[in-house]
Amino acid sequence: MKKFLLIICALLCSQIICLSEEIHFDNEVYKLKFSALAPKTNGYGNEYYKNTENASNWTKMIGVYYYPEEDNPVKYAQNFDKTVENTENSMLLKLLENKKTNKSAISFLVNGCENAKKYFEHDIYKFEKHPTKGMIVTKYAVKHFFNNDNEIAKIAQSIKESNDKYLEMLVISQPPRVIEEDIAFEN
């Protein structure tokens, strides 16, 4: 019985909880700071950042993207996987597919540089059917900045230890509601 209660508590604590324009994930609060209609997909994209961060300066973020014209999340994720594998500065970590539920998830690393600081961006995406039409994509991303090879080894170990945890947390969470209005906050 104790084990069952612990599992229920862990599931409740790990899920994304959306309260108006805030998302609670992994014991941190993210605020909606960007929302816009994407002309290419004809759906809204929402981006949530920690309180003191924004789209041009962040270490962790959550994105919620609506694709009203996409109806096959598994196939979309497979194509996304091919893009990741064929992109020079990225490395696939894991691809999960569930054809019965028509859900997929992918995790990968992107090597980048921002303000002369090098980083690895650990990205996790979940692709699933939208309740009424199309597909919803939920993204969790963390930037790991580094200065030398010793730091790279520590980052690699950290990502190795956390990748499955964050994949599972994202997969079992309910997708946040898409905010369909244009919003751009600096802080």
Protein backbone atom coordinates (compact mmCIF):
# COMPACT_ATOMS: atom_id res chain seq x y z
CA MET A 1 0.00 0.00 0.00
CA LYS A 2 2.86 2.38 0.82
CA LYS A 3 4.42 1.70 -2.56
CA PHE A 4 1.13 2.45 -4.31
CA LEU A 5 0.75 5.78 -2.47
CA LEU A 6 4.34 6.73 -3.27
CA ILE A 7 3.77 5.99 -6.97
CA ILE A 8 0.59 8.10 -7.00
CA CYS A 9 2.38 10.98 -5.25
CA ALA A 10 5.29 10.76 -7.69
CA LEU A 11 2.94 10.84 -10.67
CA LEU A 12 1.05 13.84 -9.34
CA CYS A 13 4.24 15.75 -8.52
CA SER A 14 5.88 15.01 -11.84
CA GLN A 15 3.06 16.04 -14.13
CA ILE A 16 2.92 19.39 -15.79
CA ILE A 17 0.40 21.47 -13.93
CA CYS A 18 -0.94 24.48 -15.81
CA LEU A 19 -2.42 27.34 -13.79
CA SER A 20 -3.53 30.21 -16.06
CA GLU A 21 -0.26 31.46 -17.57
CA GLU A 22 2.02 29.38 -15.33
CA ILE A 23 3.28 25.83 -15.63
CA HIS A 24 4.68 23.85 -12.72
CA PHE A 25 7.13 21.14 -13.79
CA ASP A 26 9.79 19.30 -11.77
CA ASN A 27 9.26 21.59 -8.76
CA GLU A 28 9.87 24.76 -10.79
CA VAL A 29 7.50 27.46 -12.02
CA TYR A 30 7.50 28.65 -15.63
CA LYS A 31 5.57 31.71 -16.77
CA LEU A 32 4.10 32.32 -20.21
CA LYS A 33 6.33 34.93 -21.82
CA PHE A 34 5.75 34.35 -25.52
CA SER A 35 2.76 33.32 -27.60
CA ALA A 36 2.21 33.81 -31.33
CA LEU A 37 0.47 32.33 -34.32
CA ALA A 38 2.98 30.46 -36.47
CA PRO A 39 2.25 31.17 -40.14
CA LYS A 40 3.91 27.94 -41.27
CA THR A 41 1.72 25.66 -39.10
CA ASN A 42 -1.30 27.97 -38.66
CA GLY A 43 -1.26 27.12 -34.95
CA TYR A 44 -0.19 28.94 -31.83
CA GLY A 45 3.10 28.40 -30.04
CA ASN A 46 3.45 29.20 -26.34
CA GLU A 47 6.77 29.45 -24.53
CA TYR A 48 7.19 29.43 -20.77
CA TYR A 49 10.34 30.53 -18.96
CA LYS A 50 11.53 30.80 -15.39
CA ASN A 51 10.66 34.10 -13.73
CA THR A 52 13.91 35.97 -14.48
CA GLU A 53 14.41 34.45 -17.96
CA ASN A 54 12.91 35.07 -21.40
CA ALA A 55 13.18 33.95 -25.02
CA SER A 56 16.57 35.60 -25.53
CA ASN A 57 18.09 34.56 -22.20
CA TRP A 58 17.11 31.22 -20.68
CA THR A 59 18.44 28.05 -19.07
CA LYS A 60 15.17 26.08 -18.89
CA MET A 61 11.93 26.42 -20.82
CA ILE A 62 8.70 24.66 -21.71
CA GLY A 63 7.06 25.06 -25.10
CA VAL A 64 3.53 24.14 -26.13
CA TYR A 65 2.90 24.13 -29.87
CA TYR A 66 -0.36 23.46 -31.70
CA TYR A 67 -0.33 21.98 -35.22
CA PRO A 68 -3.98 21.98 -36.37
CA GLU A 69 -3.20 20.37 -39.74
CA GLU A 70 -1.07 17.46 -38.45
CA ASP A 71 -3.02 14.31 -37.63
CA ASN A 72 -0.32 11.66 -37.15
CA PRO A 73 2.00 12.38 -34.20
CA VAL A 74 3.95 9.12 -34.62
CA LYS A 75 4.74 9.79 -38.28
CA TYR A 76 5.58 13.42 -37.49
CA ALA A 77 7.99 12.30 -34.74
CA GLN A 78 9.64 9.82 -37.13
CA ASN A 79 10.29 12.63 -39.62
CA PHE A 80 11.48 14.88 -36.80
CA ASP A 81 13.88 12.10 -35.74
CA LYS A 82 15.36 11.98 -39.25
CA THR A 83 15.90 15.74 -39.14
CA VAL A 84 17.70 15.48 -35.80
CA GLU A 85 19.90 12.64 -37.04
CA ASN A 86 20.81 14.58 -40.20
CA THR A 87 21.62 17.84 -38.43
CA GLU A 88 25.33 18.32 -37.87
CA ASN A 89 25.19 19.86 -34.39
CA SER A 90 22.60 17.47 -32.87
CA MET A 91 22.63 13.98 -31.45
CA LEU A 92 19.62 11.74 -30.92
CA LEU A 93 19.32 10.24 -27.45
CA LYS A 94 16.01 8.37 -27.58
CA LEU A 95 12.84 7.99 -29.66
CA LEU A 96 9.71 6.48 -28.11
CA GLU A 97 6.62 5.53 -30.11
CA ASN A 98 3.22 4.22 -29.07
CA LYS A 99 1.15 3.55 -32.17
CA LYS A 100 -1.87 2.44 -30.12
CA THR A 101 -2.18 5.82 -28.40
CA ASN A 102 -0.68 7.73 -31.36
CA LYS A 103 1.95 9.38 -29.13
CA SER A 104 5.68 9.76 -29.53
CA ALA A 105 8.51 11.35 -27.61
CA ILE A 106 12.06 12.18 -28.57
CA SER A 107 15.11 13.42 -26.71
CA PHE A 108 18.26 14.84 -28.25
CA LEU A 109 21.17 17.21 -27.72
CA VAL A 110 22.02 20.33 -29.69
CA ASN A 111 25.45 21.93 -29.48
CA GLY A 112 25.32 25.72 -29.57
CA CYS A 113 26.94 29.00 -28.64
CA GLU A 114 25.32 32.09 -27.11
CA ASN A 115 27.12 35.31 -26.16
CA ALA A 116 30.47 33.54 -26.67
CA LYS A 117 29.47 30.76 -24.23
CA LYS A 118 29.23 27.20 -25.49
CA TYR A 119 26.36 24.96 -24.38
CA PHE A 120 24.55 21.69 -24.91
CA GLU A 121 20.78 22.01 -25.14
CA HIS A 122 18.94 18.94 -23.89
CA ASP A 123 15.58 18.84 -25.70
CA ILE A 124 12.66 16.54 -25.00
CA TYR A 125 9.52 16.68 -27.15
CA LYS A 126 6.20 14.85 -26.81
CA PHE A 127 3.91 14.59 -29.84
CA GLU A 128 0.24 13.66 -29.33
CA LYS A 129 -3.23 14.15 -30.76
CA HIS A 130 -4.97 17.37 -29.80
CA PRO A 131 -8.33 16.64 -28.11
CA THR A 132 -10.34 18.25 -30.92
CA LYS A 133 -8.19 18.53 -34.05
CA GLY A 134 -4.56 18.23 -35.06
CA MET A 135 -1.52 17.64 -32.86
CA ILE A 136 -0.04 19.21 -29.74
CA VAL A 137 3.70 19.22 -29.10
CA THR A 138 5.09 19.75 -25.61
CA LYS A 139 8.78 20.60 -25.26
CA TYR A 140 11.06 20.70 -22.23
CA ALA A 141 14.55 22.10 -22.79
CA VAL A 142 17.57 22.74 -20.58
CA LYS A 143 20.76 24.55 -21.59
CA HIS A 144 24.00 23.31 -20.02
CA PHE A 145 26.78 25.88 -20.44
CA PHE A 146 30.43 24.77 -20.31
CA ASN A 147 33.95 26.14 -20.50
CA ASN A 148 36.16 23.03 -20.71
CA ASP A 149 36.24 19.26 -21.30
CA ASN A 150 35.85 18.43 -17.59
CA GLU A 151 32.54 20.29 -17.54
CA ILE A 152 31.42 18.43 -20.68
CA ALA A 153 31.95 15.09 -18.94
CA LYS A 154 29.86 16.25 -15.96
CA ILE A 155 27.10 17.51 -18.26
CA ALA A 156 27.08 14.21 -20.15
CA GLN A 157 26.72 12.27 -16.90
CA SER A 158 23.93 14.57 -15.70
CA ILE A 159 22.00 14.20 -18.95
CA LYS A 160 22.51 10.44 -18.95
CA GLU A 161 21.05 10.26 -15.43
CA SER A 162 18.11 12.60 -16.09
CA ASN A 163 17.05 11.84 -19.68
CA ASP A 164 14.70 8.93 -18.92
CA LYS A 165 13.25 10.75 -15.90
CA TYR A 166 12.29 13.82 -17.95
CA LEU A 167 11.05 11.73 -20.86
CA GLU A 168 8.74 9.82 -18.52
CA MET A 169 7.56 12.99 -16.76
CA LEU A 170 6.68 14.58 -20.08
CA VAL A 171 5.04 11.45 -21.50
CA ILE A 172 2.69 10.94 -18.54
CA SER A 173 1.75 14.61 -18.18
CA GLN A 174 -1.37 16.14 -19.65
CA PRO A 175 -0.61 18.69 -22.36
CA PRO A 176 -1.04 22.26 -21.19
CA ARG A 177 -3.81 24.32 -22.75
CA VAL A 178 -2.73 26.34 -25.78
CA ILE A 179 -3.11 30.08 -25.23
CA GLU A 180 -4.33 31.52 -28.53
CA GLU A 181 -3.27 35.15 -28.28
CA ASP A 182 -0.19 37.15 -29.14
CA ILE A 183 2.01 37.74 -26.06
CA ALA A 184 5.61 38.93 -25.76
CA PHE A 185 7.06 39.76 -22.34
CA GLU A 186 10.70 40.62 -21.72
CA ASN A 187 10.67 39.35 -18.10
